N, C-alpha and C. Protein backbone atom coordinates (compact mmCIF):
# COMPACT_ATOMS: atom_id res chain seq x y z
N MET A 1 1.58 -19.49 10.00
CA MET A 1 1.15 -18.14 10.14
C MET A 1 2.45 -17.26 9.47
N ILE A 2 3.67 -17.61 9.74
CA ILE A 2 4.83 -17.04 9.19
C ILE A 2 4.76 -16.92 7.74
N LEU A 3 4.47 -17.99 7.05
CA LEU A 3 4.45 -18.06 5.62
C LEU A 3 3.24 -17.15 5.07
N ALA A 4 2.06 -17.06 5.92
CA ALA A 4 1.16 -16.09 5.48
C ALA A 4 1.56 -14.71 5.62
N GLU A 5 2.47 -14.33 6.63
CA GLU A 5 2.96 -13.02 6.78
C GLU A 5 3.86 -12.70 5.51
N VAL A 6 4.69 -13.74 5.17
CA VAL A 6 5.56 -13.61 3.97
C VAL A 6 4.73 -13.36 2.89
N VAL A 7 3.73 -14.09 2.62
CA VAL A 7 2.97 -13.89 1.43
C VAL A 7 2.29 -12.51 1.36
N MET A 8 1.87 -12.10 2.54
CA MET A 8 1.14 -10.74 2.70
C MET A 8 2.18 -9.75 2.31
N GLY A 9 3.42 -9.85 2.94
CA GLY A 9 4.44 -8.93 2.63
C GLY A 9 4.84 -8.88 1.07
N LEU A 10 4.97 -9.93 0.46
CA LEU A 10 5.37 -9.92 -0.89
C LEU A 10 4.17 -9.37 -1.76
N SER A 11 2.93 -9.81 -1.48
CA SER A 11 1.79 -9.20 -2.20
C SER A 11 1.66 -7.72 -2.08
N LEU A 12 1.98 -7.18 -0.97
CA LEU A 12 1.94 -5.87 -0.62
C LEU A 12 3.08 -5.07 -1.29
N TRP A 13 4.17 -5.78 -1.34
CA TRP A 13 5.27 -5.24 -2.03
C TRP A 13 5.13 -5.05 -3.49
N LEU A 14 4.50 -6.24 -4.05
CA LEU A 14 4.12 -6.24 -5.41
C LEU A 14 3.17 -5.18 -5.72
N ARG A 15 2.14 -4.85 -4.93
CA ARG A 15 1.18 -3.95 -5.14
C ARG A 15 1.72 -2.52 -5.03
N TYR A 16 2.67 -2.22 -4.18
CA TYR A 16 3.09 -0.76 -3.82
C TYR A 16 4.52 -0.55 -4.29
N GLU A 17 5.17 -1.51 -4.91
CA GLU A 17 6.49 -1.26 -5.33
C GLU A 17 6.51 -0.12 -6.37
N TRP A 18 7.31 0.94 -6.34
CA TRP A 18 7.03 2.13 -7.12
C TRP A 18 7.29 1.69 -8.71
N ASP A 19 8.30 1.20 -9.02
CA ASP A 19 8.44 0.83 -10.46
C ASP A 19 7.30 0.08 -11.15
N PHE A 20 7.05 -0.91 -10.37
CA PHE A 20 5.79 -1.78 -10.83
C PHE A 20 4.52 -1.03 -10.85
N LYS A 21 4.37 -0.24 -9.75
CA LYS A 21 3.13 0.49 -9.74
C LYS A 21 2.95 1.63 -10.74
N HIS A 22 4.15 2.24 -10.99
CA HIS A 22 4.23 3.34 -11.97
C HIS A 22 3.80 2.72 -13.46
N TYR A 23 4.42 1.51 -13.81
CA TYR A 23 4.12 0.95 -15.07
C TYR A 23 2.53 0.50 -15.17
N VAL A 24 2.10 -0.12 -14.08
CA VAL A 24 0.75 -0.52 -14.02
C VAL A 24 -0.23 0.69 -14.36
N TYR A 25 0.00 1.83 -13.72
CA TYR A 25 -0.85 3.02 -13.85
C TYR A 25 -0.71 3.42 -15.31
N GLU A 26 0.57 3.54 -15.94
CA GLU A 26 0.72 4.18 -17.12
C GLU A 26 0.08 3.28 -18.21
N LEU A 27 0.14 1.87 -18.07
CA LEU A 27 -0.35 0.96 -18.87
C LEU A 27 -1.95 0.85 -18.71
N GLU A 28 -2.43 1.37 -17.73
CA GLU A 28 -3.84 1.08 -17.30
C GLU A 28 -4.24 -0.29 -17.11
N ALA A 29 -3.39 -0.92 -16.30
CA ALA A 29 -3.54 -2.46 -16.16
C ALA A 29 -3.83 -2.81 -14.74
N GLN A 30 -4.55 -2.00 -14.00
CA GLN A 30 -4.74 -2.34 -12.73
C GLN A 30 -5.43 -3.69 -12.50
N LYS A 31 -6.58 -3.85 -13.31
CA LYS A 31 -7.38 -5.06 -13.15
C LYS A 31 -6.52 -6.32 -13.58
N VAL A 32 -5.67 -6.24 -14.59
CA VAL A 32 -4.85 -7.40 -14.96
C VAL A 32 -3.78 -7.72 -13.83
N PHE A 33 -2.98 -6.72 -13.37
CA PHE A 33 -1.84 -6.94 -12.69
C PHE A 33 -2.26 -7.07 -11.05
N TRP A 34 -3.32 -6.36 -10.58
CA TRP A 34 -3.51 -6.42 -9.21
C TRP A 34 -4.43 -7.39 -8.59
N THR A 35 -5.25 -7.98 -9.45
CA THR A 35 -6.22 -8.95 -8.93
C THR A 35 -5.57 -10.03 -8.28
N GLY A 36 -4.54 -10.65 -8.81
CA GLY A 36 -3.92 -11.67 -8.12
C GLY A 36 -3.35 -11.31 -6.69
N PRO A 37 -2.48 -10.20 -6.60
CA PRO A 37 -2.04 -9.88 -5.36
C PRO A 37 -3.17 -9.57 -4.35
N TYR A 38 -4.35 -9.16 -4.79
CA TYR A 38 -5.43 -8.69 -3.89
C TYR A 38 -5.94 -10.01 -3.38
N ILE A 39 -6.18 -11.11 -4.24
CA ILE A 39 -6.62 -12.28 -3.75
C ILE A 39 -5.62 -12.91 -2.84
N LEU A 40 -4.29 -12.97 -3.06
CA LEU A 40 -3.31 -13.45 -2.17
C LEU A 40 -3.28 -12.61 -0.78
N ILE A 41 -3.52 -11.38 -0.87
CA ILE A 41 -3.66 -10.50 0.46
C ILE A 41 -4.82 -11.00 1.19
N ALA A 42 -5.92 -11.38 0.63
CA ALA A 42 -7.29 -11.74 1.29
C ALA A 42 -6.96 -13.09 1.97
N SER A 43 -6.28 -13.97 1.07
CA SER A 43 -6.05 -15.40 1.75
C SER A 43 -5.16 -15.33 2.81
N SER A 44 -3.96 -14.45 2.72
CA SER A 44 -3.10 -14.32 3.80
C SER A 44 -3.73 -13.80 5.09
N SER A 45 -4.54 -12.80 4.84
CA SER A 45 -5.33 -12.39 6.07
C SER A 45 -6.07 -13.40 6.71
N LEU A 46 -6.92 -14.21 5.88
CA LEU A 46 -7.63 -15.21 6.36
C LEU A 46 -6.83 -16.15 7.12
N THR A 47 -5.72 -16.56 6.54
CA THR A 47 -4.89 -17.57 7.24
C THR A 47 -4.33 -17.06 8.54
N MET A 48 -3.94 -15.90 8.62
CA MET A 48 -3.55 -15.31 9.89
C MET A 48 -4.58 -15.43 10.96
N ALA A 49 -5.89 -14.89 10.39
CA ALA A 49 -6.93 -14.76 11.47
C ALA A 49 -7.35 -16.17 12.05
N VAL A 50 -7.33 -17.33 11.06
CA VAL A 50 -7.77 -18.58 11.44
C VAL A 50 -6.58 -19.12 12.30
N SER A 51 -5.27 -18.87 12.07
CA SER A 51 -4.27 -19.28 12.99
C SER A 51 -4.30 -18.73 14.40
N VAL A 52 -4.65 -17.43 14.43
CA VAL A 52 -4.85 -16.89 15.74
C VAL A 52 -6.02 -17.42 16.54
N ILE A 53 -7.02 -17.54 15.80
CA ILE A 53 -8.37 -18.13 16.38
C ILE A 53 -8.05 -19.59 16.85
N GLY A 54 -7.32 -20.41 16.14
CA GLY A 54 -6.93 -21.82 16.30
C GLY A 54 -5.90 -21.83 17.62
N ILE A 55 -5.08 -20.92 17.72
CA ILE A 55 -4.16 -20.88 18.81
C ILE A 55 -4.86 -20.54 19.97
N CYS A 56 -5.82 -19.47 19.89
CA CYS A 56 -6.48 -19.08 21.11
C CYS A 56 -7.37 -20.29 21.68
N HIS A 57 -8.09 -20.96 20.67
CA HIS A 57 -8.92 -22.01 21.24
C HIS A 57 -8.13 -23.16 21.81
N LEU A 58 -6.96 -23.41 21.20
CA LEU A 58 -6.25 -24.53 21.94
C LEU A 58 -5.78 -24.01 23.16
N GLY A 59 -5.43 -22.76 23.40
CA GLY A 59 -4.88 -22.28 24.63
C GLY A 59 -5.92 -22.20 25.73
N TYR A 60 -7.16 -21.89 25.30
CA TYR A 60 -8.14 -21.50 26.37
C TYR A 60 -9.28 -22.60 26.42
N SER A 61 -9.24 -23.51 25.63
CA SER A 61 -10.30 -24.52 25.61
C SER A 61 -9.90 -25.83 26.35
N GLN A 62 -10.84 -26.47 26.93
CA GLN A 62 -10.40 -27.74 27.53
C GLN A 62 -10.35 -28.84 26.58
N ARG A 63 -11.13 -28.78 25.53
CA ARG A 63 -10.98 -29.72 24.36
C ARG A 63 -9.74 -29.54 23.52
N LYS A 64 -9.07 -30.45 23.11
CA LYS A 64 -7.96 -30.11 22.35
C LYS A 64 -8.22 -30.60 20.80
N SER A 65 -9.47 -30.77 20.49
CA SER A 65 -9.84 -31.08 19.09
C SER A 65 -10.07 -29.82 18.38
N PRO A 66 -9.63 -29.80 17.16
CA PRO A 66 -9.88 -28.54 16.34
C PRO A 66 -11.38 -28.20 16.15
N ILE A 67 -11.77 -26.97 16.09
CA ILE A 67 -13.07 -26.50 16.10
C ILE A 67 -13.44 -26.40 14.52
N PRO A 68 -14.75 -26.72 14.24
CA PRO A 68 -15.08 -26.66 12.83
C PRO A 68 -14.86 -25.36 12.04
N PHE A 69 -14.91 -24.21 12.77
CA PHE A 69 -14.54 -23.12 12.27
C PHE A 69 -13.06 -23.03 11.81
N PHE A 70 -12.10 -23.51 12.71
CA PHE A 70 -10.85 -23.64 12.26
C PHE A 70 -10.63 -24.39 10.90
N ILE A 71 -11.25 -25.63 10.86
CA ILE A 71 -11.12 -26.49 9.71
C ILE A 71 -11.74 -25.77 8.46
N LEU A 72 -12.86 -25.11 8.58
CA LEU A 72 -13.39 -24.43 7.47
C LEU A 72 -12.53 -23.38 7.14
N GLY A 73 -12.08 -22.56 8.03
CA GLY A 73 -11.18 -21.54 7.74
C GLY A 73 -9.91 -21.87 6.92
N CYS A 74 -9.40 -22.97 7.37
CA CYS A 74 -8.25 -23.49 6.71
C CYS A 74 -8.53 -23.87 5.30
N ALA A 75 -9.72 -24.50 5.22
CA ALA A 75 -10.04 -25.02 3.78
C ALA A 75 -10.36 -23.84 2.93
N VAL A 76 -10.97 -22.74 3.33
CA VAL A 76 -11.36 -21.70 2.53
C VAL A 76 -9.99 -20.85 2.15
N SER A 77 -9.19 -20.71 3.20
CA SER A 77 -7.90 -20.10 3.01
C SER A 77 -7.05 -20.80 1.82
N ALA A 78 -7.05 -22.05 1.99
CA ALA A 78 -6.31 -22.89 0.97
C ALA A 78 -6.80 -22.77 -0.34
N ILE A 79 -8.17 -22.86 -0.52
CA ILE A 79 -8.87 -22.63 -1.86
C ILE A 79 -8.63 -21.19 -2.22
N LEU A 80 -8.79 -20.28 -1.47
CA LEU A 80 -8.55 -18.79 -1.99
C LEU A 80 -7.10 -18.61 -2.28
N GLY A 81 -6.21 -19.06 -1.65
CA GLY A 81 -4.82 -18.96 -1.92
C GLY A 81 -4.40 -19.57 -3.19
N LEU A 82 -4.90 -20.87 -3.45
CA LEU A 82 -4.49 -21.67 -4.69
C LEU A 82 -5.26 -20.83 -5.79
N SER A 83 -6.42 -20.38 -5.67
CA SER A 83 -7.09 -19.56 -6.86
C SER A 83 -6.26 -18.25 -6.98
N GLY A 84 -5.70 -17.74 -6.03
CA GLY A 84 -4.79 -16.48 -6.36
C GLY A 84 -3.70 -16.92 -7.00
N VAL A 85 -3.04 -18.01 -6.70
CA VAL A 85 -1.87 -18.56 -7.38
C VAL A 85 -2.23 -18.80 -8.82
N ALA A 86 -3.36 -19.50 -9.12
CA ALA A 86 -3.84 -19.75 -10.46
C ALA A 86 -3.96 -18.42 -11.24
N TYR A 87 -4.71 -17.48 -10.71
CA TYR A 87 -4.82 -16.13 -11.31
C TYR A 87 -3.37 -15.63 -11.56
N THR A 88 -2.66 -15.53 -10.67
CA THR A 88 -1.33 -14.99 -10.97
C THR A 88 -0.56 -15.66 -12.02
N LEU A 89 -0.64 -16.85 -12.10
CA LEU A 89 0.08 -17.61 -13.09
C LEU A 89 -0.51 -17.41 -14.46
N ASN A 90 -1.87 -17.26 -14.45
CA ASN A 90 -2.50 -17.11 -15.75
C ASN A 90 -2.36 -15.56 -16.23
N HIS A 91 -2.09 -14.72 -15.33
CA HIS A 91 -2.05 -13.28 -15.65
C HIS A 91 -0.63 -12.64 -15.40
N GLY A 92 0.34 -13.39 -15.18
CA GLY A 92 1.51 -12.79 -14.49
C GLY A 92 2.75 -13.30 -14.98
N ILE A 93 2.79 -14.31 -15.83
CA ILE A 93 4.13 -14.82 -16.36
C ILE A 93 4.15 -14.78 -17.80
N PHE A 94 5.35 -14.93 -18.33
CA PHE A 94 5.48 -14.99 -19.85
C PHE A 94 4.85 -16.18 -20.38
N HIS A 95 4.24 -16.13 -21.52
CA HIS A 95 3.42 -17.11 -22.19
C HIS A 95 2.14 -17.42 -21.40
N SER A 96 1.58 -16.38 -20.77
CA SER A 96 0.18 -16.45 -20.23
C SER A 96 -0.69 -15.44 -20.81
N ASP A 97 -1.93 -15.23 -20.36
CA ASP A 97 -2.64 -14.03 -20.87
C ASP A 97 -2.12 -12.77 -20.88
N LEU A 98 -1.12 -12.57 -19.90
CA LEU A 98 -0.42 -11.33 -19.75
C LEU A 98 0.30 -11.11 -21.04
N THR A 99 1.07 -11.94 -21.79
CA THR A 99 1.75 -11.60 -22.97
C THR A 99 0.95 -11.08 -24.07
N SER A 100 -0.27 -11.67 -24.32
CA SER A 100 -1.15 -11.24 -25.40
C SER A 100 -1.83 -9.97 -25.06
N TRP A 101 -2.04 -9.76 -23.75
CA TRP A 101 -2.70 -8.46 -23.21
C TRP A 101 -1.72 -7.38 -23.51
N LEU A 102 -0.34 -7.64 -23.13
CA LEU A 102 0.65 -6.64 -23.33
C LEU A 102 0.87 -6.30 -24.82
N GLU A 103 0.86 -7.30 -25.54
CA GLU A 103 1.04 -7.11 -27.17
C GLU A 103 -0.09 -6.19 -27.51
N ASP A 104 -1.29 -6.44 -27.11
CA ASP A 104 -2.45 -5.53 -27.55
C ASP A 104 -2.26 -4.18 -27.11
N ARG A 105 -1.87 -4.03 -25.76
CA ARG A 105 -1.79 -2.67 -25.18
C ARG A 105 -0.66 -1.87 -25.83
N PHE A 106 0.49 -2.61 -26.06
CA PHE A 106 1.69 -1.94 -26.76
C PHE A 106 1.39 -1.43 -28.24
N TRP A 107 0.56 -2.28 -28.96
CA TRP A 107 0.22 -2.06 -30.19
C TRP A 107 -0.72 -0.72 -30.26
N GLU A 108 -1.55 -0.79 -29.17
CA GLU A 108 -2.40 0.39 -29.10
C GLU A 108 -1.64 1.78 -28.76
N LEU A 109 -0.76 1.63 -27.92
CA LEU A 109 0.12 2.83 -27.62
C LEU A 109 0.95 3.15 -28.81
N PHE A 110 1.50 2.18 -29.61
CA PHE A 110 2.19 2.54 -30.81
C PHE A 110 1.43 3.32 -31.83
N HIS A 111 0.17 2.79 -31.95
CA HIS A 111 -0.71 3.46 -33.07
C HIS A 111 -1.10 4.88 -32.55
N GLU A 112 -1.19 5.07 -31.24
CA GLU A 112 -1.65 6.42 -30.74
C GLU A 112 -0.48 7.30 -30.60
N MET A 113 0.61 6.85 -30.61
CA MET A 113 1.79 7.83 -30.25
C MET A 113 1.97 9.00 -31.20
N ASP A 114 1.60 8.95 -32.40
CA ASP A 114 1.55 10.20 -33.23
C ASP A 114 0.66 11.21 -32.89
N ASN A 115 -0.37 10.88 -32.33
CA ASN A 115 -1.42 11.80 -31.96
C ASN A 115 -1.75 12.02 -30.50
N ASN A 116 -1.06 11.30 -29.67
CA ASN A 116 -1.38 11.34 -28.18
C ASN A 116 -0.04 11.38 -27.49
N GLU A 117 0.26 12.46 -26.90
CA GLU A 117 1.66 12.64 -26.32
C GLU A 117 1.79 11.73 -25.12
N ARG A 118 0.63 11.38 -24.36
CA ARG A 118 0.79 10.64 -23.23
C ARG A 118 1.20 9.08 -23.74
N SER A 119 0.57 8.68 -24.74
CA SER A 119 0.91 7.36 -25.29
C SER A 119 2.35 7.29 -25.70
N ALA A 120 2.80 8.32 -26.46
CA ALA A 120 4.19 8.41 -26.84
C ALA A 120 5.18 8.49 -25.71
N ARG A 121 4.72 9.21 -24.66
CA ARG A 121 5.66 9.34 -23.38
C ARG A 121 5.67 7.80 -22.76
N ILE A 122 4.61 7.30 -22.59
CA ILE A 122 4.65 5.91 -21.99
C ILE A 122 5.51 4.91 -22.68
N LEU A 123 5.29 4.91 -23.99
CA LEU A 123 6.15 3.98 -24.90
C LEU A 123 7.67 4.35 -24.67
N ARG A 124 7.89 5.71 -24.77
CA ARG A 124 9.39 6.03 -24.61
C ARG A 124 9.99 5.60 -23.37
N ILE A 125 9.18 5.86 -22.23
CA ILE A 125 9.78 5.59 -20.95
C ILE A 125 10.06 3.92 -20.79
N ILE A 126 9.04 3.21 -21.18
CA ILE A 126 9.10 1.77 -21.11
C ILE A 126 10.23 1.30 -21.99
N GLN A 127 10.48 1.79 -23.26
CA GLN A 127 11.41 1.33 -24.14
C GLN A 127 12.79 1.62 -23.69
N GLU A 128 12.85 2.73 -22.89
CA GLU A 128 14.23 3.14 -22.44
C GLU A 128 14.57 2.34 -20.97
N ASP A 129 13.47 2.15 -20.05
CA ASP A 129 13.71 1.54 -18.93
C ASP A 129 13.95 -0.09 -19.07
N ILE A 130 13.00 -0.55 -19.80
CA ILE A 130 13.04 -1.95 -19.83
C ILE A 130 13.93 -2.48 -20.84
N GLU A 131 14.43 -1.59 -21.80
CA GLU A 131 15.36 -1.87 -22.88
C GLU A 131 14.79 -2.64 -23.97
N CYS A 132 13.66 -2.19 -24.45
CA CYS A 132 13.03 -2.95 -25.57
C CYS A 132 12.73 -1.92 -26.78
N CYS A 133 12.07 -2.43 -27.78
CA CYS A 133 11.79 -1.40 -28.99
C CYS A 133 10.70 -1.94 -29.76
N GLY A 134 9.53 -1.15 -29.73
CA GLY A 134 8.36 -1.56 -30.36
C GLY A 134 7.56 -2.51 -29.74
N PRO A 135 6.24 -2.71 -30.25
CA PRO A 135 5.46 -3.76 -29.58
C PRO A 135 5.93 -5.24 -29.68
N SER A 136 6.49 -5.53 -30.90
CA SER A 136 7.13 -6.85 -31.20
C SER A 136 8.50 -6.89 -31.53
N ALA A 137 9.10 -5.73 -32.05
CA ALA A 137 10.41 -5.63 -32.50
C ALA A 137 10.68 -4.29 -33.09
N TRP A 138 11.89 -3.93 -33.31
CA TRP A 138 12.25 -2.56 -33.80
C TRP A 138 11.67 -2.50 -35.27
N GLN A 139 11.52 -3.56 -35.87
CA GLN A 139 10.96 -3.49 -37.38
C GLN A 139 9.51 -2.86 -37.33
N ASP A 140 8.91 -2.82 -36.24
CA ASP A 140 7.48 -2.29 -36.23
C ASP A 140 7.50 -0.78 -36.67
N TYR A 141 8.46 -0.13 -36.21
CA TYR A 141 8.78 1.27 -36.62
C TYR A 141 8.88 1.30 -38.16
N GLU A 142 9.78 0.51 -38.74
CA GLU A 142 9.96 0.60 -40.11
C GLU A 142 8.83 0.09 -40.98
N ALA A 143 7.98 -0.97 -40.52
CA ALA A 143 6.89 -1.32 -41.19
C ALA A 143 5.70 -0.32 -41.22
N PHE A 144 5.70 0.58 -40.28
CA PHE A 144 4.63 1.65 -40.37
C PHE A 144 5.33 3.11 -40.70
N ASN A 145 6.44 3.11 -41.38
CA ASN A 145 7.13 4.19 -41.70
C ASN A 145 7.21 5.31 -40.64
N LYS A 146 7.64 4.87 -39.42
CA LYS A 146 7.94 5.64 -38.38
C LYS A 146 9.39 5.81 -38.08
N VAL A 147 9.84 6.83 -37.52
CA VAL A 147 11.29 6.95 -37.12
C VAL A 147 11.54 6.18 -35.87
N VAL A 148 12.57 5.41 -35.72
CA VAL A 148 12.92 4.64 -34.61
C VAL A 148 13.49 5.55 -33.52
N PRO A 149 12.86 5.74 -32.42
CA PRO A 149 13.24 6.69 -31.59
C PRO A 149 14.63 6.29 -30.80
N ASN A 150 15.13 7.32 -30.17
CA ASN A 150 16.55 7.07 -29.48
C ASN A 150 16.45 6.10 -28.37
N GLU A 151 15.29 6.06 -27.70
CA GLU A 151 15.07 5.16 -26.57
C GLU A 151 15.29 3.61 -27.14
N CYS A 152 15.14 3.42 -28.26
CA CYS A 152 15.47 2.06 -28.79
C CYS A 152 16.90 1.59 -28.96
N ARG A 153 17.70 2.64 -28.79
CA ARG A 153 19.14 2.47 -28.93
C ARG A 153 19.77 2.03 -27.76
N ASN A 154 20.62 1.00 -27.90
CA ASN A 154 21.37 0.50 -26.84
C ASN A 154 22.57 1.35 -26.42
N THR A 155 22.50 2.15 -25.41
CA THR A 155 23.42 3.14 -25.15
C THR A 155 24.75 2.44 -24.29
N ALA A 156 24.37 1.37 -23.70
CA ALA A 156 25.22 0.86 -22.68
C ALA A 156 26.56 0.40 -23.36
N ASN A 157 26.53 -0.17 -24.53
CA ASN A 157 27.64 -0.64 -25.16
C ASN A 157 28.36 0.49 -25.95
N GLY A 158 27.76 1.67 -26.09
CA GLY A 158 28.51 2.67 -26.77
C GLY A 158 28.28 2.92 -28.18
N ASN A 159 27.82 1.85 -28.91
CA ASN A 159 27.65 1.86 -30.28
C ASN A 159 26.22 2.15 -30.91
N GLY A 160 25.28 2.20 -29.88
CA GLY A 160 23.97 2.67 -30.35
C GLY A 160 23.20 1.64 -31.20
N ASN A 161 23.46 0.31 -31.01
CA ASN A 161 22.76 -0.66 -31.73
C ASN A 161 21.36 -0.71 -31.23
N LEU A 162 20.35 -1.05 -32.12
CA LEU A 162 18.99 -1.20 -31.76
C LEU A 162 18.68 -2.29 -30.74
N GLN A 163 17.63 -2.07 -29.89
CA GLN A 163 17.28 -3.23 -29.09
C GLN A 163 16.51 -4.05 -30.01
N THR A 164 16.71 -5.40 -29.84
CA THR A 164 16.12 -6.39 -30.96
C THR A 164 14.82 -6.79 -30.54
N ASP A 165 14.45 -6.94 -29.11
CA ASP A 165 13.26 -7.51 -28.63
C ASP A 165 12.13 -6.50 -28.46
N GLY A 166 10.97 -7.07 -28.65
CA GLY A 166 9.89 -6.13 -28.50
C GLY A 166 9.44 -5.92 -27.04
N CYS A 167 8.69 -4.93 -26.75
CA CYS A 167 8.29 -4.56 -25.38
C CYS A 167 7.43 -5.54 -24.74
N ALA A 168 6.48 -6.21 -25.51
CA ALA A 168 5.43 -7.00 -24.82
C ALA A 168 6.23 -8.24 -24.27
N GLU A 169 7.07 -8.82 -24.98
CA GLU A 169 8.04 -9.95 -24.58
C GLU A 169 8.89 -9.54 -23.31
N ILE A 170 9.59 -8.43 -23.50
CA ILE A 170 10.69 -8.09 -22.60
C ILE A 170 9.86 -7.70 -21.28
N PHE A 171 8.70 -6.94 -21.26
CA PHE A 171 7.96 -6.63 -20.09
C PHE A 171 7.33 -7.69 -19.41
N ALA A 172 7.03 -8.70 -20.18
CA ALA A 172 6.47 -9.94 -19.52
C ALA A 172 7.50 -10.69 -18.77
N ARG A 173 8.72 -10.78 -19.37
CA ARG A 173 9.74 -11.46 -18.79
C ARG A 173 10.42 -10.62 -17.63
N TRP A 174 10.12 -9.26 -17.67
CA TRP A 174 10.53 -8.46 -16.50
C TRP A 174 9.69 -8.77 -15.27
N MET A 175 8.40 -8.95 -15.61
CA MET A 175 7.39 -9.13 -14.41
C MET A 175 7.54 -10.53 -13.98
N GLU A 176 7.97 -11.51 -14.60
CA GLU A 176 7.81 -12.93 -14.18
C GLU A 176 8.52 -13.24 -13.05
N PRO A 177 9.66 -12.70 -12.68
CA PRO A 177 10.31 -13.09 -11.35
C PRO A 177 9.54 -12.42 -10.14
N LYS A 178 9.06 -11.31 -10.33
CA LYS A 178 8.36 -10.77 -9.17
C LYS A 178 7.04 -11.60 -8.92
N ASN A 179 6.37 -12.09 -9.91
CA ASN A 179 5.12 -12.97 -9.62
C ASN A 179 5.50 -14.18 -9.29
N ARG A 180 6.56 -14.87 -9.70
CA ARG A 180 6.86 -16.24 -9.36
C ARG A 180 7.37 -16.23 -7.89
N LEU A 181 7.96 -15.27 -7.33
CA LEU A 181 8.27 -15.31 -5.83
C LEU A 181 6.89 -15.40 -5.14
N ALA A 182 6.08 -14.50 -5.39
CA ALA A 182 4.81 -14.44 -4.67
C ALA A 182 4.09 -15.93 -4.86
N PHE A 183 4.08 -16.40 -6.06
CA PHE A 183 3.47 -17.67 -6.27
C PHE A 183 4.05 -18.79 -5.48
N TRP A 184 5.38 -18.94 -5.30
CA TRP A 184 5.81 -20.04 -4.49
C TRP A 184 5.60 -19.98 -3.14
N HIS A 185 5.58 -18.70 -2.66
CA HIS A 185 5.42 -18.65 -1.08
C HIS A 185 3.88 -18.90 -0.89
N ARG A 186 2.87 -18.41 -1.72
CA ARG A 186 1.52 -18.63 -1.62
C ARG A 186 1.19 -20.10 -1.80
N PHE A 187 1.77 -20.76 -2.77
CA PHE A 187 1.62 -22.24 -3.05
C PHE A 187 2.00 -23.14 -1.76
N THR A 188 3.15 -22.58 -1.18
CA THR A 188 3.64 -23.33 0.13
C THR A 188 2.63 -23.13 1.10
N THR A 189 2.16 -21.82 1.34
CA THR A 189 1.16 -21.65 2.38
C THR A 189 -0.14 -22.26 2.16
N GLY A 190 -0.64 -22.40 0.85
CA GLY A 190 -1.77 -23.14 0.48
C GLY A 190 -1.52 -24.49 0.72
N CYS A 191 -0.61 -25.14 0.58
CA CYS A 191 -0.37 -26.56 0.72
C CYS A 191 -0.34 -26.73 2.30
N HIS A 192 0.25 -25.83 2.98
CA HIS A 192 0.38 -25.91 4.53
C HIS A 192 -0.99 -25.94 5.09
N SER A 193 -1.81 -24.96 4.65
CA SER A 193 -3.33 -24.76 5.08
C SER A 193 -4.05 -26.08 4.79
N GLY A 194 -3.79 -26.65 3.58
CA GLY A 194 -4.43 -27.92 3.17
C GLY A 194 -3.96 -28.97 4.11
N TYR A 195 -2.79 -28.99 4.43
CA TYR A 195 -2.21 -30.06 5.40
C TYR A 195 -2.83 -30.01 6.83
N THR A 196 -3.09 -28.76 7.18
CA THR A 196 -3.40 -28.60 8.69
C THR A 196 -4.90 -29.07 8.73
N ILE A 197 -5.59 -29.03 7.65
CA ILE A 197 -7.15 -29.49 7.71
C ILE A 197 -7.01 -31.09 8.06
């Protein structure tokens, strides 16, 4: 039950953490990024409910054998949790479907930035915050005869060198530790639910 609470907390944090939530809204990626945490929230809720029911049954019942509902609940919780983990791995780490989706989305923003102020603003904010440049590299600006924006310059070292990595790769790498933490806790809880069956 404690592991389920930890997974619930991590999933809610991933869903409501301001920087992450801000980027998800700006990239219009709610379906891609939040399906995994929603599945993990549902699985954690089911695990906690089944645990409470199982504890109550053992405390108030004369029989000490597990009830079929408890066994079924643990099995469903484990399956739901592991499917949430699978979705998160497939859509939340570097070299997954996330990276190709981000590449497409950043190219879309890149091509819209001359005519759409919102797209230009989103790309500028991400390039500055995540320290990246262009969808795949700073050469994207050169290839399409666009001026490389100041947000692509590395001001931390004082010499203004260009960021060398593209935003799709850097953003996917930035997200990976957040999703990996939720993954390991849910995987542990899923294995524990499977073990209790």
